[in-house]
Amino acid sequence: MKADITLDTKGLLCPMPVLKTQKKIKEMSSGQILEVLTDDQGAKEDFPAWCEQTGNEFLGIEEEGETIKVFIKKA
């Protein structure tokens, strides 16, 4: 998936990846896609729930080794 912006949160544990994502998404324009890189396994549950709460669109997850790529479209 092609993202407009990539945010690297590898090495950070919950809730930091979500908090950094929340800050970054505020800087983005509606319709842009954010790719979040994380190695926190909790992200697989945290990000879909966060998107549901905030109205942003959860586009999916890709895993490459230890790295989890989360794709979110700003509402």
PDB file of N, CA and C in Angstrom:
ATOM      1  N   MET A   1       0.843  -1.182   0.000  1.00  0.00           N
ATOM      2  CA  MET A   1       0.000   0.000   0.000  1.00  0.00           C
ATOM      3  C   MET A   1       0.890   1.248   0.000  1.00  0.00           C
ATOM      4  N   LYS A   2       0.480   2.252  -0.717  1.00  0.00           N
ATOM      5  CA  LYS A   2       1.263   3.492  -0.830  1.00  0.00           C
ATOM      6  C   LYS A   2       0.750   4.511   0.192  1.00  0.00           C
ATOM      7  N   ALA A   3       1.668   4.974   1.037  1.00  0.00           N
ATOM      8  CA  ALA A   3       1.309   5.952   2.069  1.00  0.00           C
ATOM      9  C   ALA A   3       1.854   7.331   1.691  1.00  0.00           C
ATOM     10  N   ASP A   4       1.171   8.363   2.162  1.00  0.00           N
ATOM     11  CA  ASP A   4       1.636   9.736   1.962  1.00  0.00           C
ATOM     12  C   ASP A   4       2.723  10.090   2.980  1.00  0.00           C
ATOM     13  N   ILE A   5       2.587   9.563   4.184  1.00  0.00           N
ATOM     14  CA  ILE A   5       3.505   9.870   5.285  1.00  0.00           C
ATOM     15  C   ILE A   5       3.779   8.586   6.056  1.00  0.00           C
ATOM     16  N   THR A   6       5.036   8.403   6.484  1.00  0.00           N
ATOM     17  CA  THR A   6       5.408   7.248   7.311  1.00  0.00           C
ATOM     18  C   THR A   6       5.850   7.750   8.676  1.00  0.00           C
ATOM     19  N   LEU A   7       5.343   7.085   9.719  1.00  0.00           N
ATOM     20  CA  LEU A   7       5.696   7.405  11.104  1.00  0.00           C
ATOM     21  C   LEU A   7       6.333   6.169  11.725  1.00  0.00           C
ATOM     22  N   ASP A   8       7.588   6.279  12.139  1.00  0.00           N
ATOM     23  CA  ASP A   8       8.310   5.150  12.722  1.00  0.00           C
ATOM     24  C   ASP A   8       8.178   5.198  14.246  1.00  0.00           C
ATOM     25  N   THR A   9       7.474   4.215  14.814  1.00  0.00           N
ATOM     26  CA  THR A   9       7.319   4.132  16.273  1.00  0.00           C
ATOM     27  C   THR A   9       7.936   2.844  16.815  1.00  0.00           C
ATOM     28  N   LYS A  10       8.822   2.227  16.045  1.00  0.00           N
ATOM     29  CA  LYS A  10       9.448   0.980  16.501  1.00  0.00           C
ATOM     30  C   LYS A  10      10.216   1.231  17.792  1.00  0.00           C
ATOM     31  N   GLY A  11      10.141   0.272  18.696  1.00  0.00           N
ATOM     32  CA  GLY A  11      10.825   0.394  19.982  1.00  0.00           C
ATOM     33  C   GLY A  11       9.964   1.017  21.067  1.00  0.00           C
ATOM     34  N   LEU A  12       8.805   1.549  20.693  1.00  0.00           N
ATOM     35  CA  LEU A  12       7.906   2.164  21.668  1.00  0.00           C
ATOM     36  C   LEU A  12       6.787   1.196  22.023  1.00  0.00           C
ATOM     37  N   LEU A  13       6.390   1.204  23.284  1.00  0.00           N
ATOM     38  CA  LEU A  13       5.318   0.332  23.741  1.00  0.00           C
ATOM     39  C   LEU A  13       4.041   1.124  23.963  1.00  0.00           C
ATOM     40  N   CYS A  14       2.931   0.418  23.972  1.00  0.00           N
ATOM     41  CA  CYS A  14       1.611   1.003  24.189  1.00  0.00           C
ATOM     42  C   CYS A  14       1.645   1.878  25.442  1.00  0.00           C
ATOM     43  N   PRO A  15       1.097   3.062  25.404  1.00  0.00           N
ATOM     44  CA  PRO A  15       0.251   3.640  24.354  1.00  0.00           C
ATOM     45  C   PRO A  15       0.995   4.578  23.406  1.00  0.00           C
ATOM     46  N   MET A  16       2.313   4.608  23.446  1.00  0.00           N
ATOM     47  CA  MET A  16       3.073   5.609  22.682  1.00  0.00           C
ATOM     48  C   MET A  16       2.840   5.560  21.164  1.00  0.00           C
ATOM     49  N   PRO A  17       2.805   4.390  20.517  1.00  0.00           N
ATOM     50  CA  PRO A  17       2.542   4.406  19.067  1.00  0.00           C
ATOM     51  C   PRO A  17       1.220   5.095  18.714  1.00  0.00           C
ATOM     52  N   VAL A  18       0.183   4.845  19.499  1.00  0.00           N
ATOM     53  CA  VAL A  18      -1.118   5.461  19.229  1.00  0.00           C
ATOM     54  C   VAL A  18      -1.065   6.964  19.515  1.00  0.00           C
ATOM     55  N   LEU A  19      -0.402   7.365  20.588  1.00  0.00           N
ATOM     56  CA  LEU A  19      -0.311   8.791  20.918  1.00  0.00           C
ATOM     57  C   LEU A  19       0.470   9.562  19.853  1.00  0.00           C
ATOM     58  N   LYS A  20       1.567   8.985  19.370  1.00  0.00           N
ATOM     59  CA  LYS A  20       2.343   9.638  18.309  1.00  0.00           C
ATOM     60  C   LYS A  20       1.547   9.684  17.005  1.00  0.00           C
ATOM     61  N   THR A  21       0.756   8.645  16.752  1.00  0.00           N
ATOM     62  CA  THR A  21      -0.096   8.616  15.560  1.00  0.00           C
ATOM     63  C   THR A  21      -1.150   9.706  15.646  1.00  0.00           C
ATOM     64  N   GLN A  22      -1.746   9.852  16.813  1.00  0.00           N
ATOM     65  CA  GLN A  22      -2.781  10.879  17.020  1.00  0.00           C
ATOM     66  C   GLN A  22      -2.205  12.274  16.729  1.00  0.00           C
ATOM     67  N   LYS A  23      -0.997  12.525  17.198  1.00  0.00           N
ATOM     68  CA  LYS A  23      -0.356  13.823  16.967  1.00  0.00           C
ATOM     69  C   LYS A  23      -0.075  14.021  15.478  1.00  0.00           C
ATOM     70  N   LYS A  24       0.464  12.999  14.823  1.00  0.00           N
ATOM     71  CA  LYS A  24       0.829  13.105  13.410  1.00  0.00           C
ATOM     72  C   LYS A  24      -0.407  13.284  12.538  1.00  0.00           C
ATOM     73  N   ILE A  25      -1.491  12.582  12.841  1.00  0.00           N
ATOM     74  CA  ILE A  25      -2.694  12.636  11.999  1.00  0.00           C
ATOM     75  C   ILE A  25      -3.307  14.038  12.028  1.00  0.00           C
ATOM     76  N   LYS A  26      -3.135  14.750  13.143  1.00  0.00           N
ATOM     77  CA  LYS A  26      -3.653  16.123  13.249  1.00  0.00           C
ATOM     78  C   LYS A  26      -2.949  17.062  12.274  1.00  0.00           C
ATOM     79  N   GLU A  27      -1.707  16.730  11.911  1.00  0.00           N
ATOM     80  CA  GLU A  27      -0.916  17.565  10.998  1.00  0.00           C
ATOM     81  C   GLU A  27      -1.239  17.278   9.529  1.00  0.00           C
ATOM     82  N   MET A  28      -1.977  16.202   9.276  1.00  0.00           N
ATOM     83  CA  MET A  28      -2.229  15.753   7.909  1.00  0.00           C
ATOM     84  C   MET A  28      -3.527  16.322   7.347  1.00  0.00           C
ATOM     85  N   SER A  29      -3.647  16.237   6.030  1.00  0.00           N
ATOM     86  CA  SER A  29      -4.870  16.660   5.349  1.00  0.00           C
ATOM     87  C   SER A  29      -5.838  15.487   5.237  1.00  0.00           C
ATOM     88  N   SER A  30      -7.119  15.800   5.189  1.00  0.00           N
ATOM     89  CA  SER A  30      -8.143  14.776   5.043  1.00  0.00           C
ATOM     90  C   SER A  30      -7.883  13.962   3.771  1.00  0.00           C
ATOM     91  N   GLY A  31      -7.982  12.641   3.882  1.00  0.00           N
ATOM     92  CA  GLY A  31      -7.789  11.760   2.736  1.00  0.00           C
ATOM     93  C   GLY A  31      -6.378  11.231   2.587  1.00  0.00           C
ATOM     94  N   GLN A  32      -5.417  11.824   3.316  1.00  0.00           N
ATOM     95  CA  GLN A  32      -4.042  11.332   3.239  1.00  0.00           C
ATOM     96  C   GLN A  32      -3.920  10.008   3.995  1.00  0.00           C
ATOM     97  N   ILE A  33      -2.967   9.190   3.563  1.00  0.00           N
ATOM     98  CA  ILE A  33      -2.750   7.884   4.186  1.00  0.00           C
ATOM     99  C   ILE A  33      -1.466   7.918   5.006  1.00  0.00           C
ATOM    100  N   LEU A  34      -1.580   7.458   6.245  1.00  0.00           N
ATOM    101  CA  LEU A  34      -0.442   7.377   7.167  1.00  0.00           C
ATOM    102  C   LEU A  34      -0.054   5.917   7.338  1.00  0.00           C
ATOM    103  N   GLU A  35       1.241   5.654   7.204  1.00  0.00           N
ATOM    104  CA  GLU A  35       1.795   4.329   7.479  1.00  0.00           C
ATOM    105  C   GLU A  35       2.529   4.429   8.813  1.00  0.00           C
ATOM    106  N   VAL A  36       2.117   3.611   9.782  1.00  0.00           N
ATOM    107  CA  VAL A  36       2.772   3.591  11.089  1.00  0.00           C
ATOM    108  C   VAL A  36       3.595   2.312  11.186  1.00  0.00           C
ATOM    109  N   LEU A  37       4.891   2.455  11.458  1.00  0.00           N
ATOM    110  CA  LEU A  37       5.763   1.304  11.657  1.00  0.00           C
ATOM    111  C   LEU A  37       5.901   1.067  13.155  1.00  0.00           C
ATOM    112  N   THR A  38       5.643  -0.161  13.579  1.00  0.00           N
ATOM    113  CA  THR A  38       5.737  -0.488  15.001  1.00  0.00           C
ATOM    114  C   THR A  38       6.194  -1.936  15.157  1.00  0.00           C
ATOM    115  N   ASP A  39       6.706  -2.258  16.339  1.00  0.00           N
ATOM    116  CA  ASP A  39       7.012  -3.653  16.657  1.00  0.00           C
ATOM    117  C   ASP A  39       6.241  -4.073  17.908  1.00  0.00           C
ATOM    118  N   ASP A  40       5.269  -3.267  18.291  1.00  0.00           N
ATOM    119  CA  ASP A  40       4.401  -3.549  19.439  1.00  0.00           C
ATOM    120  C   ASP A  40       3.227  -4.413  18.959  1.00  0.00           C
ATOM    121  N   GLN A  41       3.192  -5.670  19.397  1.00  0.00           N
ATOM    122  CA  GLN A  41       2.152  -6.597  18.960  1.00  0.00           C
ATOM    123  C   GLN A  41       0.742  -6.113  19.308  1.00  0.00           C
ATOM    124  N   GLY A  42       0.624  -5.297  20.352  1.00  0.00           N
ATOM    125  CA  GLY A  42      -0.673  -4.762  20.751  1.00  0.00           C
ATOM    126  C   GLY A  42      -1.282  -3.839  19.704  1.00  0.00           C
ATOM    127  N   ALA A  43      -0.460  -3.365  18.782  1.00  0.00           N
ATOM    128  CA  ALA A  43      -0.934  -2.447  17.741  1.00  0.00           C
ATOM    129  C   ALA A  43      -2.016  -3.082  16.884  1.00  0.00           C
ATOM    130  N   LYS A  44      -1.973  -4.397  16.726  1.00  0.00           N
ATOM    131  CA  LYS A  44      -2.949  -5.088  15.872  1.00  0.00           C
ATOM    132  C   LYS A  44      -4.374  -4.913  16.403  1.00  0.00           C
ATOM    133  N   GLU A  45      -4.508  -4.731  17.705  1.00  0.00           N
ATOM    134  CA  GLU A  45      -5.824  -4.486  18.308  1.00  0.00           C
ATOM    135  C   GLU A  45      -6.038  -2.999  18.584  1.00  0.00           C
ATOM    136  N   ASP A  46      -4.968  -2.305  18.957  1.00  0.00           N
ATOM    137  CA  ASP A  46      -5.082  -0.897  19.345  1.00  0.00           C
ATOM    138  C   ASP A  46      -5.497   0.015  18.197  1.00  0.00           C
ATOM    139  N   PHE A  47      -4.880  -0.148  17.034  1.00  0.00           N
ATOM    140  CA  PHE A  47      -5.150   0.782  15.941  1.00  0.00           C
ATOM    141  C   PHE A  47      -6.549   0.659  15.349  1.00  0.00           C
ATOM    142  N   PRO A  48      -7.074  -0.552  15.106  1.00  0.00           N
ATOM    143  CA  PRO A  48      -8.467  -0.617  14.627  1.00  0.00           C
ATOM    144  C   PRO A  48      -9.443   0.032  15.612  1.00  0.00           C
ATOM    145  N   ALA A  49      -9.225  -0.189  16.911  1.00  0.00           N
ATOM    146  CA  ALA A  49     -10.104   0.396  17.932  1.00  0.00           C
ATOM    147  C   ALA A  49      -9.963   1.915  17.944  1.00  0.00           C
ATOM    148  N   TRP A  50      -8.730   2.410  17.835  1.00  0.00           N
ATOM    149  CA  TRP A  50      -8.505   3.856  17.824  1.00  0.00           C
ATOM    150  C   TRP A  50      -9.180   4.492  16.616  1.00  0.00           C
ATOM    151  N   CYS A  51      -9.066   3.859  15.462  1.00  0.00           N
ATOM    152  CA  CYS A  51      -9.694   4.398  14.247  1.00  0.00           C
ATOM    153  C   CYS A  51     -11.212   4.454  14.399  1.00  0.00           C
ATOM    154  N   GLU A  52     -11.774   3.425  15.000  1.00  0.00           N
ATOM    155  CA  GLU A  52     -13.224   3.406  15.213  1.00  0.00           C
ATOM    156  C   GLU A  52     -13.651   4.555  16.123  1.00  0.00           C
ATOM    157  N   GLN A  53     -12.856   4.830  17.149  1.00  0.00           N
ATOM    158  CA  GLN A  53     -13.175   5.900  18.098  1.00  0.00           C
ATOM    159  C   GLN A  53     -13.014   7.287  17.487  1.00  0.00           C
ATOM    160  N   THR A  54     -12.035   7.441  16.579  1.00  0.00           N
ATOM    161  CA  THR A  54     -11.711   8.768  16.062  1.00  0.00           C
ATOM    162  C   THR A  54     -12.338   9.070  14.706  1.00  0.00           C
ATOM    163  N   GLY A  55     -12.910   8.052  14.056  1.00  0.00           N
ATOM    164  CA  GLY A  55     -13.535   8.271  12.757  1.00  0.00           C
ATOM    165  C   GLY A  55     -12.572   8.195  11.588  1.00  0.00           C
ATOM    166  N   ASN A  56     -11.296   7.894  11.859  1.00  0.00           N
ATOM    167  CA  ASN A  56     -10.340   7.688  10.773  1.00  0.00           C
ATOM    168  C   ASN A  56     -10.531   6.277  10.216  1.00  0.00           C
ATOM    169  N   GLU A  57     -10.111   6.055   8.977  1.00  0.00           N
ATOM    170  CA  GLU A  57     -10.357   4.770   8.324  1.00  0.00           C
ATOM    171  C   GLU A  57      -9.154   3.845   8.475  1.00  0.00           C
ATOM    172  N   PHE A  58      -9.392   2.689   9.095  1.00  0.00           N
ATOM    173  CA  PHE A  58      -8.359   1.669   9.240  1.00  0.00           C
ATOM    174  C   PHE A  58      -8.283   0.906   7.921  1.00  0.00           C
ATOM    175  N   LEU A  59      -7.136   0.974   7.253  1.00  0.00           N
ATOM    176  CA  LEU A  59      -6.994   0.353   5.933  1.00  0.00           C
ATOM    177  C   LEU A  59      -6.369  -1.031   5.972  1.00  0.00           C
ATOM    178  N   GLY A  60      -5.712  -1.374   7.080  1.00  0.00           N
ATOM    179  CA  GLY A  60      -5.140  -2.709   7.183  1.00  0.00           C
ATOM    180  C   GLY A  60      -3.757  -2.726   7.783  1.00  0.00           C
ATOM    181  N   ILE A  61      -3.249  -3.957   7.901  1.00  0.00           N
ATOM    182  CA  ILE A  61      -1.945  -4.206   8.511  1.00  0.00           C
ATOM    183  C   ILE A  61      -1.146  -5.117   7.588  1.00  0.00           C
ATOM    184  N   GLU A  62       0.145  -4.826   7.473  1.00  0.00           N
ATOM    185  CA  GLU A  62       1.082  -5.715   6.786  1.00  0.00           C
ATOM    186  C   GLU A  62       2.199  -6.014   7.775  1.00  0.00           C
ATOM    187  N   GLU A  63       2.643  -7.275   7.789  1.00  0.00           N
ATOM    188  CA  GLU A  63       3.738  -7.643   8.689  1.00  0.00           C
ATOM    189  C   GLU A  63       4.951  -8.065   7.882  1.00  0.00           C
ATOM    190  N   GLU A  64       6.107  -7.525   8.265  1.00  0.00           N
ATOM    191  CA  GLU A  64       7.380  -7.892   7.651  1.00  0.00           C
ATOM    192  C   GLU A  64       8.346  -8.211   8.780  1.00  0.00           C
ATOM    193  N   GLY A  65       8.508  -9.476   9.073  1.00  0.00           N
ATOM    194  CA  GLY A  65       9.350  -9.874  10.197  1.00  0.00           C
ATOM    195  C   GLY A  65       8.763  -9.342  11.494  1.00  0.00           C
ATOM    196  N   GLU A  66       9.575  -8.599  12.247  1.00  0.00           N
ATOM    197  CA  GLU A  66       9.128  -8.023  13.518  1.00  0.00           C
ATOM    198  C   GLU A  66       8.337  -6.730  13.324  1.00  0.00           C
ATOM    199  N   THR A  67       8.424  -6.154  12.131  1.00  0.00           N
ATOM    200  CA  THR A  67       7.792  -4.853  11.881  1.00  0.00           C
ATOM    201  C   THR A  67       6.338  -5.016  11.450  1.00  0.00           C
ATOM    202  N   ILE A  68       5.481  -4.273  12.106  1.00  0.00           N
ATOM    203  CA  ILE A  68       4.061  -4.220  11.768  1.00  0.00           C
ATOM    204  C   ILE A  68       3.825  -2.870  11.105  1.00  0.00           C
ATOM    205  N   LYS A  69       3.219  -2.894   9.913  1.00  0.00           N
ATOM    206  CA  LYS A  69       2.884  -1.665   9.202  1.00  0.00           C
ATOM    207  C   LYS A  69       1.377  -1.480   9.282  1.00  0.00           C
ATOM    208  N   VAL A  70       0.957  -0.373   9.865  1.00  0.00           N
ATOM    209  CA  VAL A  70      -0.467  -0.055  10.019  1.00  0.00           C
ATOM    210  C   VAL A  70      -0.790   1.093   9.063  1.00  0.00           C
ATOM    211  N   PHE A  71      -1.867   0.944   8.302  1.00  0.00           N
ATOM    212  CA  PHE A  71      -2.260   1.974   7.334  1.00  0.00           C
ATOM    213  C   PHE A  71      -3.587   2.601   7.750  1.00  0.00           C
ATOM    214  N   ILE A  72      -3.571   3.924   7.852  1.00  0.00           N
ATOM    215  CA  ILE A  72      -4.734   4.682   8.314  1.00  0.00           C
ATOM    216  C   ILE A  72      -4.982   5.843   7.349  1.00  0.00           C
ATOM    217  N   LYS A  73      -6.242   6.003   6.956  1.00  0.00           N
ATOM    218  CA  LYS A  73      -6.632   7.129   6.101  1.00  0.00           C
ATOM    219  C   LYS A  73      -7.309   8.167   6.978  1.00  0.00           C
ATOM    220  N   LYS A  74      -6.792   9.405   6.933  1.00  0.00           N
ATOM    221  CA  LYS A  74      -7.372  10.469   7.762  1.00  0.00           C
ATOM    222  C   LYS A  74      -8.770  10.827   7.276  1.00  0.00           C
ATOM    223  N   ALA A  75      -9.672  10.948   8.233  1.00  0.00           N
ATOM    224  CA  ALA A  75     -11.056  11.297   7.913  1.00  0.00           C
ATOM    225  C   ALA A  75     -11.154  12.715   7.399  1.00  0.00           C
TER     226      ALA A  75
END
